[in-house]
Amino acid sequence: MIIIIPAHTGRNINFNIMNNKTEGYAVKEYGQPVKRYCQTLDLKDNPELIAEYRRRHSEGEAWSEILWGIREVGILEMEIYILDTRLFMIVEAPLDFDWDSAMERLSTLPRQQEWEDYMSEFQKAAPGSSSNEKWRMMERMFHIYEK
């Protein structure tokens, strides 16, 4: 489906084409202020494992319980980007979102630890680690937003 939304500049933006690394990725609007968390994780340097990791995260392959759990703890959006063996995750949540509480709750939800174990064979992380233990929070060191 192609969605065309008038932009504040008076131009129309076709969000259907904004879905790849050269055209950019459309960003959701939530009707409320949000905050963003950025994390990183390294995969094992094995092309076959990386291909399988990508497949397991593709549409229709990620377990519904995991997607439900992400939403259940208050996360509005989660995106994972990849470059070689480096993963970069962006998580968007409401301003009142508490990361530590949400991750603690997420780790108790159905199939969450099973999913983490299912993914661990691809990741440079200790076996049995929770998502919060594997993914390392990144610090923003630059931005150009207006104050």
N, C-alpha and C. Protein backbone atom coordinates (compact mmCIF):
# COMPACT_ATOMS: atom_id res chain seq x y z
N MET A 1 0.84 -1.17 0.00
CA MET A 1 0.00 0.00 0.00
C MET A 1 0.89 1.23 0.00
N ILE A 2 0.54 2.22 -0.80
CA ILE A 2 1.28 3.48 -0.85
C ILE A 2 0.51 4.50 -0.05
N ILE A 3 1.20 5.15 0.87
CA ILE A 3 0.59 6.20 1.70
C ILE A 3 1.25 7.51 1.32
N ILE A 4 0.44 8.48 0.91
CA ILE A 4 0.97 9.80 0.58
C ILE A 4 0.40 10.79 1.58
N ILE A 5 1.28 11.47 2.29
CA ILE A 5 0.88 12.41 3.33
C ILE A 5 1.48 13.77 3.00
N PRO A 6 0.67 14.84 3.02
CA PRO A 6 1.26 16.16 2.77
C PRO A 6 2.24 16.52 3.88
N ALA A 7 3.38 16.97 3.52
CA ALA A 7 4.38 17.40 4.50
C ALA A 7 4.20 18.89 4.79
N HIS A 8 4.79 19.36 5.87
CA HIS A 8 4.67 20.77 6.24
C HIS A 8 5.27 21.70 5.19
N THR A 9 6.05 21.14 4.29
CA THR A 9 6.67 21.95 3.24
C THR A 9 5.74 22.18 2.06
N GLY A 10 4.58 21.52 2.08
CA GLY A 10 3.65 21.62 0.97
C GLY A 10 3.87 20.54 -0.08
N ARG A 11 4.92 19.73 0.08
CA ARG A 11 5.18 18.62 -0.84
C ARG A 11 4.48 17.37 -0.33
N ASN A 12 4.22 16.44 -1.22
CA ASN A 12 3.72 15.13 -0.82
C ASN A 12 4.89 14.19 -0.65
N ILE A 13 4.82 13.35 0.37
CA ILE A 13 5.88 12.37 0.64
C ILE A 13 5.30 10.99 0.44
N ASN A 14 5.93 10.19 -0.37
CA ASN A 14 5.51 8.82 -0.60
C ASN A 14 6.26 7.93 0.38
N PHE A 15 5.59 7.49 1.46
CA PHE A 15 6.24 6.70 2.49
C PHE A 15 6.52 5.28 2.04
N ASN A 16 5.91 4.83 0.96
CA ASN A 16 6.17 3.49 0.46
C ASN A 16 7.61 3.34 -0.01
N ILE A 17 8.19 4.42 -0.57
CA ILE A 17 9.57 4.31 -1.05
C ILE A 17 10.58 4.59 0.04
N MET A 18 10.11 5.06 1.20
CA MET A 18 11.03 5.38 2.30
C MET A 18 11.24 4.15 3.17
N ASN A 19 11.79 3.10 2.60
CA ASN A 19 11.94 1.87 3.35
C ASN A 19 13.26 1.15 3.05
N ASN A 20 14.25 1.91 2.66
CA ASN A 20 15.55 1.28 2.45
C ASN A 20 16.67 2.26 2.78
N LYS A 21 17.87 1.72 2.85
CA LYS A 21 18.97 2.54 3.36
C LYS A 21 19.36 3.70 2.46
N THR A 22 19.01 3.69 1.20
CA THR A 22 19.35 4.83 0.35
C THR A 22 18.23 5.85 0.25
N GLU A 23 17.01 5.46 0.48
CA GLU A 23 15.87 6.39 0.42
C GLU A 23 15.46 6.87 1.81
N GLY A 24 15.90 6.17 2.84
CA GLY A 24 15.54 6.52 4.21
C GLY A 24 14.37 5.69 4.71
N TYR A 25 14.08 5.82 5.97
CA TYR A 25 13.03 5.07 6.63
C TYR A 25 12.03 6.05 7.23
N ALA A 26 10.76 5.87 6.92
CA ALA A 26 9.72 6.72 7.48
C ALA A 26 9.68 6.52 8.99
N VAL A 27 9.40 7.59 9.73
CA VAL A 27 9.32 7.53 11.18
C VAL A 27 7.87 7.71 11.58
N LYS A 28 7.41 6.88 12.50
CA LYS A 28 6.03 6.97 12.97
C LYS A 28 5.82 8.26 13.76
N GLU A 29 4.58 8.72 13.76
CA GLU A 29 4.18 9.82 14.63
C GLU A 29 3.18 9.25 15.61
N TYR A 30 3.32 9.60 16.87
CA TYR A 30 2.53 8.99 17.93
C TYR A 30 1.50 9.93 18.54
N GLY A 31 1.50 11.21 18.18
CA GLY A 31 0.59 12.16 18.78
C GLY A 31 0.96 12.50 20.22
N GLN A 32 2.16 12.16 20.61
CA GLN A 32 2.66 12.46 21.95
C GLN A 32 4.19 12.52 21.89
N PRO A 33 4.81 13.24 22.79
CA PRO A 33 6.28 13.25 22.81
C PRO A 33 6.81 11.84 23.18
N VAL A 34 7.89 11.47 22.59
CA VAL A 34 8.50 10.17 22.88
C VAL A 34 9.99 10.36 23.17
N LYS A 35 10.56 9.33 23.74
CA LYS A 35 12.01 9.30 23.93
C LYS A 35 12.55 8.07 23.23
N ARG A 36 13.84 8.09 22.97
CA ARG A 36 14.47 7.04 22.19
C ARG A 36 15.65 6.46 22.97
N TYR A 37 15.76 5.15 22.89
CA TYR A 37 16.91 4.43 23.45
C TYR A 37 17.64 3.79 22.27
N CYS A 38 18.96 3.79 22.31
CA CYS A 38 19.77 3.18 21.26
C CYS A 38 20.72 2.18 21.90
N GLN A 39 20.74 1.00 21.30
CA GLN A 39 21.56 -0.07 21.84
C GLN A 39 22.33 -0.76 20.73
N THR A 40 23.37 -1.49 21.12
CA THR A 40 24.16 -2.23 20.15
C THR A 40 24.46 -3.63 20.66
N LEU A 41 24.69 -4.51 19.72
CA LEU A 41 25.03 -5.91 20.00
C LEU A 41 25.79 -6.43 18.80
N ASP A 42 26.78 -7.28 19.04
CA ASP A 42 27.54 -7.87 17.94
C ASP A 42 27.11 -9.31 17.71
N LEU A 43 27.06 -9.67 16.42
CA LEU A 43 26.79 -11.05 16.02
C LEU A 43 28.10 -11.77 15.78
N LYS A 44 28.04 -13.08 15.81
CA LYS A 44 29.22 -13.88 15.45
C LYS A 44 29.50 -13.67 13.97
N ASP A 45 30.77 -13.64 13.62
CA ASP A 45 31.19 -13.35 12.25
C ASP A 45 31.09 -14.61 11.39
N ASN A 46 29.86 -14.93 11.00
CA ASN A 46 29.59 -16.11 10.20
C ASN A 46 28.42 -15.78 9.28
N PRO A 47 28.65 -15.65 7.98
CA PRO A 47 27.59 -15.25 7.05
C PRO A 47 26.34 -16.13 7.09
N GLU A 48 26.51 -17.42 7.29
CA GLU A 48 25.35 -18.32 7.35
C GLU A 48 24.52 -18.05 8.60
N LEU A 49 25.19 -17.83 9.73
CA LEU A 49 24.47 -17.51 10.97
C LEU A 49 23.76 -16.16 10.86
N ILE A 50 24.43 -15.19 10.26
CA ILE A 50 23.82 -13.87 10.11
C ILE A 50 22.59 -13.95 9.21
N ALA A 51 22.67 -14.73 8.14
CA ALA A 51 21.51 -14.90 7.25
C ALA A 51 20.34 -15.53 8.01
N GLU A 52 20.62 -16.49 8.85
CA GLU A 52 19.55 -17.13 9.64
C GLU A 52 19.00 -16.17 10.69
N TYR A 53 19.85 -15.37 11.30
CA TYR A 53 19.40 -14.38 12.27
C TYR A 53 18.45 -13.39 11.61
N ARG A 54 18.81 -12.94 10.41
CA ARG A 54 17.94 -12.04 9.64
C ARG A 54 16.59 -12.72 9.36
N ARG A 55 16.63 -13.98 8.94
CA ARG A 55 15.40 -14.70 8.63
C ARG A 55 14.50 -14.79 9.85
N ARG A 56 15.06 -15.10 11.00
CA ARG A 56 14.27 -15.24 12.22
C ARG A 56 13.65 -13.92 12.67
N HIS A 57 14.20 -12.81 12.21
CA HIS A 57 13.64 -11.50 12.54
C HIS A 57 12.76 -10.93 11.42
N SER A 58 12.58 -11.67 10.35
CA SER A 58 11.78 -11.16 9.23
C SER A 58 10.29 -11.20 9.57
N GLU A 59 9.53 -10.43 8.81
CA GLU A 59 8.09 -10.36 9.02
C GLU A 59 7.49 -11.76 8.91
N GLY A 60 6.70 -12.13 9.89
CA GLY A 60 6.08 -13.44 9.91
C GLY A 60 6.89 -14.51 10.62
N GLU A 61 8.16 -14.24 10.88
CA GLU A 61 9.01 -15.22 11.55
C GLU A 61 9.22 -14.92 13.04
N ALA A 62 9.23 -13.64 13.41
CA ALA A 62 9.36 -13.28 14.83
C ALA A 62 8.12 -13.79 15.56
N TRP A 63 8.32 -14.38 16.71
CA TRP A 63 7.21 -14.99 17.45
C TRP A 63 6.22 -13.94 17.92
N SER A 64 4.95 -14.24 17.79
CA SER A 64 3.90 -13.28 18.18
C SER A 64 3.97 -12.93 19.66
N GLU A 65 4.36 -13.88 20.50
CA GLU A 65 4.47 -13.60 21.94
C GLU A 65 5.54 -12.55 22.23
N ILE A 66 6.58 -12.53 21.42
CA ILE A 66 7.67 -11.57 21.60
C ILE A 66 7.20 -10.18 21.18
N LEU A 67 6.53 -10.11 20.04
CA LEU A 67 6.01 -8.82 19.57
C LEU A 67 4.98 -8.28 20.56
N TRP A 68 4.10 -9.15 21.05
CA TRP A 68 3.10 -8.75 22.06
C TRP A 68 3.79 -8.23 23.32
N GLY A 69 4.83 -8.93 23.78
CA GLY A 69 5.53 -8.54 25.00
C GLY A 69 6.19 -7.18 24.89
N ILE A 70 6.77 -6.91 23.73
CA ILE A 70 7.40 -5.61 23.50
C ILE A 70 6.37 -4.50 23.67
N ARG A 71 5.21 -4.68 23.07
CA ARG A 71 4.13 -3.68 23.20
C ARG A 71 3.59 -3.64 24.63
N GLU A 72 3.47 -4.80 25.26
CA GLU A 72 2.89 -4.90 26.60
C GLU A 72 3.66 -4.10 27.64
N VAL A 73 4.97 -4.00 27.48
CA VAL A 73 5.78 -3.25 28.45
C VAL A 73 5.83 -1.75 28.13
N GLY A 74 5.17 -1.33 27.06
CA GLY A 74 5.07 0.09 26.76
C GLY A 74 5.92 0.61 25.63
N ILE A 75 6.63 -0.27 24.94
CA ILE A 75 7.46 0.16 23.81
C ILE A 75 6.56 0.45 22.62
N LEU A 76 6.73 1.62 22.03
CA LEU A 76 5.93 2.02 20.88
C LEU A 76 6.51 1.49 19.57
N GLU A 77 7.83 1.50 19.45
CA GLU A 77 8.49 1.04 18.23
C GLU A 77 9.86 0.49 18.58
N MET A 78 10.25 -0.54 17.85
CA MET A 78 11.58 -1.12 17.99
C MET A 78 12.07 -1.44 16.59
N GLU A 79 13.25 -0.96 16.26
CA GLU A 79 13.86 -1.23 14.97
C GLU A 79 15.28 -1.73 15.21
N ILE A 80 15.70 -2.69 14.39
CA ILE A 80 17.08 -3.18 14.45
C ILE A 80 17.70 -2.97 13.08
N TYR A 81 18.88 -2.37 13.06
CA TYR A 81 19.65 -2.15 11.84
C TYR A 81 20.92 -3.00 11.94
N ILE A 82 21.47 -3.34 10.77
CA ILE A 82 22.67 -4.18 10.76
C ILE A 82 23.71 -3.62 9.79
N LEU A 83 24.96 -3.73 10.19
CA LEU A 83 26.10 -3.43 9.33
C LEU A 83 27.15 -4.49 9.65
N ASP A 84 27.37 -5.37 8.70
CA ASP A 84 28.29 -6.49 8.90
C ASP A 84 27.83 -7.32 10.11
N THR A 85 28.60 -7.30 11.20
CA THR A 85 28.21 -8.08 12.39
C THR A 85 27.63 -7.20 13.50
N ARG A 86 27.56 -5.90 13.28
CA ARG A 86 27.10 -4.96 14.30
C ARG A 86 25.60 -4.70 14.14
N LEU A 87 24.86 -4.90 15.23
CA LEU A 87 23.45 -4.55 15.27
C LEU A 87 23.28 -3.24 16.02
N PHE A 88 22.31 -2.47 15.59
CA PHE A 88 21.97 -1.19 16.22
C PHE A 88 20.45 -1.17 16.39
N MET A 89 20.00 -1.05 17.62
CA MET A 89 18.56 -1.06 17.91
C MET A 89 18.11 0.32 18.37
N ILE A 90 16.98 0.74 17.84
CA ILE A 90 16.33 1.97 18.28
C ILE A 90 15.00 1.58 18.90
N VAL A 91 14.76 2.05 20.11
CA VAL A 91 13.52 1.80 20.83
C VAL A 91 12.88 3.15 21.13
N GLU A 92 11.62 3.32 20.74
CA GLU A 92 10.89 4.54 21.04
C GLU A 92 9.79 4.23 22.05
N ALA A 93 9.66 5.11 23.04
CA ALA A 93 8.71 4.89 24.13
C ALA A 93 8.18 6.23 24.62
N PRO A 94 7.05 6.22 25.34
CA PRO A 94 6.53 7.47 25.91
C PRO A 94 7.52 8.08 26.91
N LEU A 95 7.39 9.37 27.15
CA LEU A 95 8.31 10.06 28.06
C LEU A 95 8.32 9.47 29.47
N ASP A 96 7.18 8.90 29.92
CA ASP A 96 7.13 8.35 31.28
C ASP A 96 7.57 6.89 31.35
N PHE A 97 8.09 6.36 30.27
CA PHE A 97 8.56 4.97 30.21
C PHE A 97 9.77 4.79 31.12
N ASP A 98 9.78 3.73 31.92
CA ASP A 98 10.90 3.41 32.79
C ASP A 98 11.60 2.16 32.24
N TRP A 99 12.78 2.33 31.71
CA TRP A 99 13.50 1.26 31.05
C TRP A 99 13.72 0.05 31.96
N ASP A 100 14.26 0.28 33.15
CA ASP A 100 14.60 -0.83 34.04
C ASP A 100 13.36 -1.64 34.41
N SER A 101 12.28 -0.98 34.76
CA SER A 101 11.04 -1.69 35.11
C SER A 101 10.50 -2.47 33.92
N ALA A 102 10.54 -1.84 32.74
CA ALA A 102 10.02 -2.50 31.55
C ALA A 102 10.85 -3.74 31.20
N MET A 103 12.16 -3.65 31.29
CA MET A 103 13.01 -4.79 30.95
C MET A 103 12.86 -5.91 31.98
N GLU A 104 12.70 -5.54 33.24
CA GLU A 104 12.46 -6.54 34.27
C GLU A 104 11.15 -7.30 33.98
N ARG A 105 10.11 -6.55 33.64
CA ARG A 105 8.83 -7.18 33.32
C ARG A 105 8.92 -8.00 32.05
N LEU A 106 9.57 -7.47 31.02
CA LEU A 106 9.70 -8.18 29.75
C LEU A 106 10.34 -9.55 29.95
N SER A 107 11.33 -9.62 30.81
CA SER A 107 12.04 -10.90 31.02
C SER A 107 11.16 -11.97 31.64
N THR A 108 10.02 -11.58 32.21
CA THR A 108 9.11 -12.56 32.84
C THR A 108 7.96 -12.97 31.93
N LEU A 109 7.83 -12.34 30.79
CA LEU A 109 6.68 -12.61 29.92
C LEU A 109 6.85 -13.92 29.14
N PRO A 110 5.72 -14.50 28.71
CA PRO A 110 5.76 -15.80 28.03
C PRO A 110 6.72 -15.85 26.85
N ARG A 111 7.57 -16.86 26.87
CA ARG A 111 8.50 -17.23 25.81
C ARG A 111 9.67 -16.26 25.63
N GLN A 112 9.75 -15.22 26.46
CA GLN A 112 10.82 -14.24 26.28
C GLN A 112 12.20 -14.87 26.44
N GLN A 113 12.42 -15.60 27.53
CA GLN A 113 13.74 -16.20 27.71
C GLN A 113 14.00 -17.29 26.67
N GLU A 114 12.95 -17.98 26.26
CA GLU A 114 13.09 -18.97 25.19
C GLU A 114 13.57 -18.30 23.89
N TRP A 115 13.00 -17.12 23.59
CA TRP A 115 13.42 -16.36 22.41
C TRP A 115 14.89 -15.93 22.55
N GLU A 116 15.26 -15.43 23.73
CA GLU A 116 16.64 -15.00 23.94
C GLU A 116 17.60 -16.17 23.73
N ASP A 117 17.24 -17.34 24.24
CA ASP A 117 18.07 -18.53 24.05
C ASP A 117 18.13 -18.94 22.57
N TYR A 118 17.00 -18.82 21.88
CA TYR A 118 16.87 -19.15 20.46
C TYR A 118 17.78 -18.24 19.62
N MET A 119 17.95 -16.99 20.04
CA MET A 119 18.78 -16.02 19.32
C MET A 119 20.25 -16.09 19.73
N SER A 120 20.54 -16.64 20.89
CA SER A 120 21.89 -16.55 21.46
C SER A 120 22.96 -17.24 20.62
N GLU A 121 22.59 -18.23 19.84
CA GLU A 121 23.61 -18.92 19.04
C GLU A 121 24.25 -18.00 17.99
N PHE A 122 23.60 -16.90 17.67
CA PHE A 122 24.09 -15.95 16.68
C PHE A 122 24.84 -14.79 17.30
N GLN A 123 24.63 -14.56 18.57
CA GLN A 123 25.09 -13.34 19.23
C GLN A 123 26.37 -13.56 20.04
N LYS A 124 27.18 -12.53 20.11
CA LYS A 124 28.35 -12.55 20.99
C LYS A 124 27.87 -12.14 22.37
N ALA A 125 27.32 -13.09 23.10
CA ALA A 125 26.77 -12.84 24.44
C ALA A 125 26.80 -14.15 25.22
N ALA A 126 26.80 -14.03 26.52
CA ALA A 126 26.82 -15.22 27.37
C ALA A 126 25.50 -15.99 27.25
N PRO A 127 25.57 -17.31 27.15
CA PRO A 127 24.33 -18.10 27.10
C PRO A 127 23.45 -17.83 28.31
N GLY A 128 22.14 -17.80 28.09
CA GLY A 128 21.19 -17.57 29.18
C GLY A 128 20.99 -16.11 29.53
N SER A 129 21.65 -15.20 28.79
CA SER A 129 21.51 -13.77 29.07
C SER A 129 20.13 -13.27 28.66
N SER A 130 19.62 -12.30 29.41
CA SER A 130 18.38 -11.64 29.04
C SER A 130 18.68 -10.63 27.94
N SER A 131 17.64 -10.12 27.32
CA SER A 131 17.81 -9.07 26.31
C SER A 131 18.54 -7.88 26.89
N ASN A 132 18.17 -7.49 28.09
CA ASN A 132 18.77 -6.32 28.74
C ASN A 132 20.25 -6.54 29.06
N GLU A 133 20.64 -7.81 29.26
CA GLU A 133 22.05 -8.11 29.53
C GLU A 133 22.88 -8.16 28.24
N LYS A 134 22.27 -8.53 27.13
CA LYS A 134 22.99 -8.66 25.86
C LYS A 134 23.18 -7.33 25.14
N TRP A 135 22.11 -6.58 25.05
CA TRP A 135 22.15 -5.33 24.31
C TRP A 135 22.76 -4.24 25.18
N ARG A 136 23.76 -3.54 24.65
CA ARG A 136 24.45 -2.49 25.40
C ARG A 136 23.90 -1.13 25.03
N MET A 137 23.50 -0.38 26.05
CA MET A 137 22.94 0.95 25.85
C MET A 137 24.02 1.88 25.32
N MET A 138 23.67 2.68 24.33
CA MET A 138 24.61 3.63 23.73
C MET A 138 24.34 5.04 24.26
N GLU A 139 25.37 5.83 24.27
CA GLU A 139 25.27 7.22 24.71
C GLU A 139 25.23 8.13 23.48
N ARG A 140 24.26 9.04 23.47
CA ARG A 140 24.22 10.01 22.37
C ARG A 140 25.35 11.01 22.60
N MET A 141 26.16 11.21 21.56
CA MET A 141 27.28 12.13 21.69
C MET A 141 27.14 13.36 20.81
N PHE A 142 26.10 13.39 19.96
CA PHE A 142 25.88 14.53 19.08
C PHE A 142 24.44 14.59 18.66
N HIS A 143 23.91 15.80 18.52
CA HIS A 143 22.59 15.99 17.91
C HIS A 143 22.47 17.42 17.43
N ILE A 144 21.54 17.69 16.50
CA ILE A 144 21.35 19.03 15.98
C ILE A 144 19.95 19.56 16.23
N TYR A 145 19.25 18.95 17.16
CA TYR A 145 17.88 19.39 17.44
C TYR A 145 17.87 20.79 18.01
N GLU A 146 16.83 21.51 17.68
CA GLU A 146 16.63 22.85 18.25
C GLU A 146 16.32 22.73 19.72
N LYS A 147 16.75 23.70 20.49
CA LYS A 147 16.48 23.66 21.94
C LYS A 147 15.28 24.48 22.27
